[in-house]
Amino acid sequence: MTELRVRKPDGWTTVSFPDEVGTISAAGGKVDGQLCLTLTGERDDGPRIVELGILDVDENDEHLLENTVPWTEDGTSVVLDRLLPS
């Protein structure tokens, strides 16, 4: 089991992907009109596993992703930075 600490609108939580997931990728987009990250776990023998509505991934868990999360210069995810009031 691969677990990643992620931030969702209601706070930090953990999402899990089963061992048969080969790679986990992060992509930006909109879900229900809101900007967010989507984590996608690829499996050879089954459908993708998708986690929606993510605002940030813990820096300590980013190494578990196939690609990097887009960060601002101060270390905030670009998604969260755009959602926070100026």
C-alpha atoms as a PDB file:
ATOM      1  CA  MET A   1       0.000   0.000   0.000  1.00  0.00           C
ATOM      2  CA  THR A   2       1.320   3.429  -0.950  1.00  0.00           C
ATOM      3  CA  GLU A   3       0.027   6.267   1.208  1.00  0.00           C
ATOM      4  CA  LEU A   4       0.362   9.959   0.476  1.00  0.00           C
ATOM      5  CA  ARG A   5      -0.493  12.845   2.765  1.00  0.00           C
ATOM      6  CA  VAL A   6      -2.587  15.340   0.817  1.00  0.00           C
ATOM      7  CA  ARG A   7      -4.500  18.497   1.541  1.00  0.00           C
ATOM      8  CA  LYS A   8      -8.161  18.578   0.572  1.00  0.00           C
ATOM      9  CA  PRO A   9     -10.606  21.458   1.176  1.00  0.00           C
ATOM     10  CA  ASP A  10     -11.371  20.194   4.692  1.00  0.00           C
ATOM     11  CA  GLY A  11      -7.709  19.759   5.703  1.00  0.00           C
ATOM     12  CA  TRP A  12      -4.841  17.270   5.564  1.00  0.00           C
ATOM     13  CA  THR A  13      -5.658  13.578   5.088  1.00  0.00           C
ATOM     14  CA  THR A  14      -4.079  10.411   3.719  1.00  0.00           C
ATOM     15  CA  VAL A  15      -4.973   8.744   0.426  1.00  0.00           C
ATOM     16  CA  SER A  16      -3.949   5.165  -0.300  1.00  0.00           C
ATOM     17  CA  PHE A  17      -3.132   3.293  -3.480  1.00  0.00           C
ATOM     18  CA  PRO A  18      -2.870  -0.509  -3.536  1.00  0.00           C
ATOM     19  CA  ASP A  19       0.459  -2.240  -4.200  1.00  0.00           C
ATOM     20  CA  GLU A  20      -0.532  -3.206  -7.752  1.00  0.00           C
ATOM     21  CA  VAL A  21      -0.418   0.495  -8.750  1.00  0.00           C
ATOM     22  CA  GLY A  22       2.768   0.973 -10.747  1.00  0.00           C
ATOM     23  CA  THR A  23       2.890   4.756 -11.022  1.00  0.00           C
ATOM     24  CA  ILE A  24       1.004   7.647  -9.467  1.00  0.00           C
ATOM     25  CA  SER A  25       0.793  10.896 -11.429  1.00  0.00           C
ATOM     26  CA  ALA A  26      -0.434  14.372 -10.501  1.00  0.00           C
ATOM     27  CA  ALA A  27      -2.318  16.575 -12.947  1.00  0.00           C
ATOM     28  CA  GLY A  28      -4.006  19.930 -12.560  1.00  0.00           C
ATOM     29  CA  GLY A  29      -7.523  20.642 -13.706  1.00  0.00           C
ATOM     30  CA  LYS A  30     -11.023  21.539 -12.617  1.00  0.00           C
ATOM     31  CA  VAL A  31     -13.460  19.342 -10.737  1.00  0.00           C
ATOM     32  CA  ASP A  32     -16.958  20.760 -10.288  1.00  0.00           C
ATOM     33  CA  GLY A  33     -15.635  24.131 -11.450  1.00  0.00           C
ATOM     34  CA  GLN A  34     -12.863  24.243  -8.827  1.00  0.00           C
ATOM     35  CA  LEU A  35      -9.144  24.202  -9.614  1.00  0.00           C
ATOM     36  CA  CYS A  36      -7.497  21.151  -8.047  1.00  0.00           C
ATOM     37  CA  LEU A  37      -4.977  18.363  -8.472  1.00  0.00           C
ATOM     38  CA  THR A  38      -5.996  14.856  -9.455  1.00  0.00           C
ATOM     39  CA  LEU A  39      -3.815  11.887  -8.528  1.00  0.00           C
ATOM     40  CA  THR A  40      -4.047   8.930 -10.887  1.00  0.00           C
ATOM     41  CA  GLY A  41      -2.701   5.481 -10.094  1.00  0.00           C
ATOM     42  CA  GLU A  42      -2.009   3.265 -13.112  1.00  0.00           C
ATOM     43  CA  ARG A  43      -2.505  -0.508 -12.910  1.00  0.00           C
ATOM     44  CA  ASP A  44      -1.639  -3.118 -15.546  1.00  0.00           C
ATOM     45  CA  ASP A  45      -4.536  -5.403 -14.667  1.00  0.00           C
ATOM     46  CA  GLY A  46      -7.369  -3.046 -13.853  1.00  0.00           C
ATOM     47  CA  PRO A  47      -8.858   0.416 -14.154  1.00  0.00           C
ATOM     48  CA  ARG A  48      -7.003   3.513 -12.994  1.00  0.00           C
ATOM     49  CA  ILE A  49      -7.481   4.659  -9.427  1.00  0.00           C
ATOM     50  CA  VAL A  50      -8.334   8.361  -9.280  1.00  0.00           C
ATOM     51  CA  GLU A  51      -8.243  10.702  -6.274  1.00  0.00           C
ATOM     52  CA  LEU A  52      -9.935  14.054  -6.995  1.00  0.00           C
ATOM     53  CA  GLY A  53     -10.128  17.401  -5.233  1.00  0.00           C
ATOM     54  CA  ILE A  54      -6.561  17.622  -3.945  1.00  0.00           C
ATOM     55  CA  LEU A  55      -5.107  21.047  -3.175  1.00  0.00           C
ATOM     56  CA  ASP A  56      -1.578  20.033  -2.191  1.00  0.00           C
ATOM     57  CA  VAL A  57       0.689  17.007  -1.657  1.00  0.00           C
ATOM     58  CA  ASP A  58       3.040  16.849   1.320  1.00  0.00           C
ATOM     59  CA  GLU A  59       6.570  17.659   0.112  1.00  0.00           C
ATOM     60  CA  ASN A  60       7.842  14.539   1.912  1.00  0.00           C
ATOM     61  CA  ASP A  61       5.567  12.350  -0.245  1.00  0.00           C
ATOM     62  CA  GLU A  62       6.218  13.992  -3.607  1.00  0.00           C
ATOM     63  CA  HIS A  63       8.966  11.447  -4.368  1.00  0.00           C
ATOM     64  CA  LEU A  64       6.203   8.810  -4.642  1.00  0.00           C
ATOM     65  CA  LEU A  65       4.775  10.597  -7.700  1.00  0.00           C
ATOM     66  CA  GLU A  66       5.824  10.001 -11.302  1.00  0.00           C
ATOM     67  CA  ASN A  67       5.932  13.775 -11.879  1.00  0.00           C
ATOM     68  CA  THR A  68       6.274  16.830  -9.679  1.00  0.00           C
ATOM     69  CA  VAL A  69       3.576  18.980  -8.126  1.00  0.00           C
ATOM     70  CA  PRO A  70       3.738  22.582  -9.419  1.00  0.00           C
ATOM     71  CA  TRP A  71       5.008  24.760  -6.540  1.00  0.00           C
ATOM     72  CA  THR A  72       5.313  28.517  -6.089  1.00  0.00           C
ATOM     73  CA  GLU A  73       8.611  30.009  -4.892  1.00  0.00           C
ATOM     74  CA  ASP A  74       7.442  29.885  -1.255  1.00  0.00           C
ATOM     75  CA  GLY A  75       6.632  26.139  -1.439  1.00  0.00           C
ATOM     76  CA  THR A  76       2.843  26.409  -1.779  1.00  0.00           C
ATOM     77  CA  SER A  77       1.210  24.311  -4.480  1.00  0.00           C
ATOM     78  CA  VAL A  78       0.165  26.447  -7.441  1.00  0.00           C
ATOM     79  CA  VAL A  79      -3.419  25.185  -7.026  1.00  0.00           C
ATOM     80  CA  LEU A  80      -3.636  26.239  -3.378  1.00  0.00           C
ATOM     81  CA  ASP A  81      -1.892  29.553  -4.103  1.00  0.00           C
ATOM     82  CA  ARG A  82      -4.509  30.446  -6.733  1.00  0.00           C
ATOM     83  CA  LEU A  83      -7.371  29.578  -4.394  1.00  0.00           C
ATOM     84  CA  LEU A  84      -6.089  31.560  -1.401  1.00  0.00           C
ATOM     85  CA  PRO A  85      -7.223  35.176  -1.135  1.00  0.00           C
ATOM     86  CA  SER A  86      -4.488  37.708  -1.935  1.00  0.00           C
END
